[in-house]
Amino acid sequence: MDRILDQARSGPLYLRNPEVAQLLVDAMIYRQGHLQLHAYVIMVNHVHVLITPRVEVSQLMHSLKRYRARKANQILGLTGHPFWQEESYDHLVRDETEFRRIADYIELNPVKAGLVTAREEFPWSSAGKSEVMRIQRVD
């Protein structure tokens, strides 16, 4: 399923718009008070993030999605269409080994999709970005 999502060529591909992708990156960085951002990637039709929330996850997701959806729809010239799907998938990371595996999975997503040859080449990813504290121990 991940491979199909990563290689999407049709359907809502709103996130391939650089202005929309940057809007989402900025939102996550701006919300650092509500979350600790470890890894992220903005693909053309979905987003992966590895965070440690500092508030309730539902509150955090609502905060991230609500304003950004409105702004993204303005950028794209869309009205009356939901920007995000209703639900998101979340997973509790159990240990440091799993944490590192998930962070690698996220940052290698554009490589596996054939968009770049090295994770650091993808502009909408935490790979190689100094503003994100990538791998920090989760207690």
Protein backbone atom coordinates (compact mmCIF):
# COMPACT_ATOMS: atom_id res chain seq x y z
CA MET A 1 0.00 0.00 0.00
CA ASP A 2 2.84 2.41 0.83
CA ARG A 3 4.41 1.76 -2.58
CA ILE A 4 1.10 2.57 -4.31
CA LEU A 5 0.72 5.80 -2.32
CA ASP A 6 4.32 6.83 -2.99
CA GLN A 7 4.02 6.36 -6.74
CA ALA A 8 0.67 8.12 -7.12
CA ARG A 9 0.12 9.67 -10.51
CA SER A 10 -3.56 10.57 -10.16
CA GLY A 11 -6.05 11.66 -7.53
CA PRO A 12 -5.53 14.63 -5.20
CA LEU A 13 -1.84 15.50 -5.50
CA TYR A 14 -2.12 18.86 -3.75
CA LEU A 15 1.10 18.45 -1.79
CA ARG A 16 3.26 18.50 -4.93
CA ASN A 17 2.68 22.26 -5.01
CA PRO A 18 5.87 23.70 -3.43
CA GLU A 19 3.95 26.51 -1.71
CA VAL A 20 1.56 24.03 -0.08
CA ALA A 21 4.39 21.68 0.93
CA GLN A 22 6.31 24.55 2.52
CA LEU A 23 3.15 25.66 4.31
CA LEU A 24 3.01 22.28 6.03
CA VAL A 25 6.71 22.27 6.93
CA ASP A 26 6.36 25.75 8.39
CA ALA A 27 3.30 24.67 10.39
CA MET A 28 5.16 21.78 12.02
CA ILE A 29 8.15 23.94 12.86
CA TYR A 30 5.89 26.75 14.16
CA ARG A 31 4.05 24.26 16.41
CA GLN A 32 7.26 23.09 18.13
CA GLY A 33 5.70 24.19 21.42
CA HIS A 34 3.01 21.54 20.92
CA LEU A 35 5.27 18.84 19.54
CA GLN A 36 8.83 17.68 19.29
CA LEU A 37 9.48 17.08 15.60
CA HIS A 38 11.89 14.22 14.88
CA ALA A 39 11.35 13.37 11.20
CA TYR A 40 8.95 14.29 8.39
CA VAL A 41 8.38 13.99 4.68
CA ILE A 42 5.75 15.71 2.54
CA MET A 43 4.95 13.41 -0.37
CA VAL A 44 2.61 14.45 -3.22
CA ASN A 45 -0.45 12.82 -1.66
CA HIS A 46 0.39 12.12 1.99
CA VAL A 47 2.57 13.19 4.90
CA HIS A 48 4.66 11.15 7.33
CA VAL A 49 5.74 12.65 10.65
CA LEU A 50 7.52 11.29 13.68
CA ILE A 51 6.73 13.45 16.68
CA THR A 52 6.56 13.45 20.42
CA PRO A 53 3.33 15.33 21.17
CA ARG A 54 3.27 17.79 24.05
CA VAL A 55 -0.53 18.13 23.92
CA GLU A 56 -3.35 15.67 23.15
CA VAL A 57 -2.80 14.18 19.69
CA SER A 58 -6.35 15.00 18.57
CA GLN A 59 -5.86 18.65 19.60
CA LEU A 60 -2.50 18.77 17.84
CA MET A 61 -3.82 17.27 14.60
CA HIS A 62 -6.81 19.61 14.62
CA SER A 63 -4.51 22.57 15.15
CA LEU A 64 -2.17 21.53 12.35
CA LYS A 65 -4.88 20.59 9.87
CA ARG A 66 -7.52 23.29 10.30
CA TYR A 67 -5.68 26.50 9.42
CA ARG A 68 -3.34 24.83 6.94
CA ALA A 69 -6.22 23.26 5.03
CA ARG A 70 -7.88 26.63 4.63
CA LYS A 71 -4.64 28.26 3.50
CA ALA A 72 -3.75 25.38 1.15
CA ASN A 73 -7.20 25.54 -0.46
CA GLN A 74 -6.68 29.29 -1.01
CA ILE A 75 -3.32 28.64 -2.67
CA LEU A 76 -4.82 25.91 -4.88
CA GLY A 77 -7.99 27.87 -5.65
CA LEU A 78 -10.23 25.15 -4.20
CA THR A 79 -13.50 25.70 -2.37
CA GLY A 80 -15.96 23.23 -0.92
CA HIS A 81 -13.49 20.34 -0.95
CA PRO A 82 -11.95 18.73 2.13
CA PHE A 83 -8.19 19.02 1.98
CA TRP A 84 -7.33 16.28 4.48
CA GLN A 85 -8.86 12.85 4.84
CA GLU A 86 -10.93 12.46 7.98
CA GLU A 87 -8.63 10.12 9.87
CA SER A 88 -4.92 9.81 10.35
CA TYR A 89 -2.88 6.81 11.37
CA ASP A 90 -0.87 7.05 14.55
CA HIS A 91 1.40 4.55 16.22
CA LEU A 92 3.09 4.47 19.62
CA VAL A 93 6.84 3.99 19.28
CA ARG A 94 7.99 1.42 21.79
CA ASP A 95 11.77 1.74 21.86
CA GLU A 96 14.79 3.44 20.34
CA THR A 97 15.31 0.72 17.71
CA GLU A 98 11.75 1.17 16.42
CA PHE A 99 12.17 4.95 16.61
CA ARG A 100 15.23 4.83 14.34
CA ARG A 101 13.54 2.41 11.94
CA ILE A 102 10.52 4.70 11.60
CA ALA A 103 12.67 7.83 11.16
CA ASP A 104 14.64 6.07 8.41
CA TYR A 105 11.45 4.84 6.76
CA ILE A 106 10.06 8.38 6.69
CA GLU A 107 13.17 10.02 5.28
CA LEU A 108 13.79 7.25 2.75
CA ASN A 109 10.23 7.45 1.41
CA PRO A 110 11.12 9.76 -1.53
CA VAL A 111 14.10 7.53 -2.42
CA LYS A 112 11.95 4.40 -2.45
CA ALA A 113 9.38 6.23 -4.58
CA GLY A 114 12.11 7.06 -7.11
CA LEU A 115 11.85 10.83 -6.64
CA VAL A 116 15.49 11.30 -5.58
CA THR A 117 18.59 9.13 -5.24
CA ALA A 118 19.55 10.32 -1.74
CA ARG A 119 17.25 11.32 1.11
CA GLU A 120 18.98 14.69 1.56
CA GLU A 121 18.00 15.71 -2.01
CA PHE A 122 14.27 15.82 -1.29
CA PRO A 123 13.30 19.39 -0.33
CA TRP A 124 10.21 18.53 1.75
CA SER A 125 11.89 16.26 4.25
CA SER A 126 13.70 16.51 7.56
CA ALA A 127 16.70 14.67 6.10
CA GLY A 128 19.69 16.96 6.42
CA LYS A 129 17.67 19.81 7.96
CA SER A 130 19.22 21.50 10.98
CA GLU A 131 15.93 22.97 12.27
CA VAL A 132 14.66 19.50 13.13
CA MET A 133 16.26 17.54 15.94
CA ARG A 134 16.04 14.27 14.02
CA ILE A 135 16.96 11.45 16.31
CA GLN A 136 16.45 12.11 19.98
CA ARG A 137 15.92 9.48 22.61
CA VAL A 138 12.29 8.91 23.49
CA ASP A 139 11.73 8.29 27.19
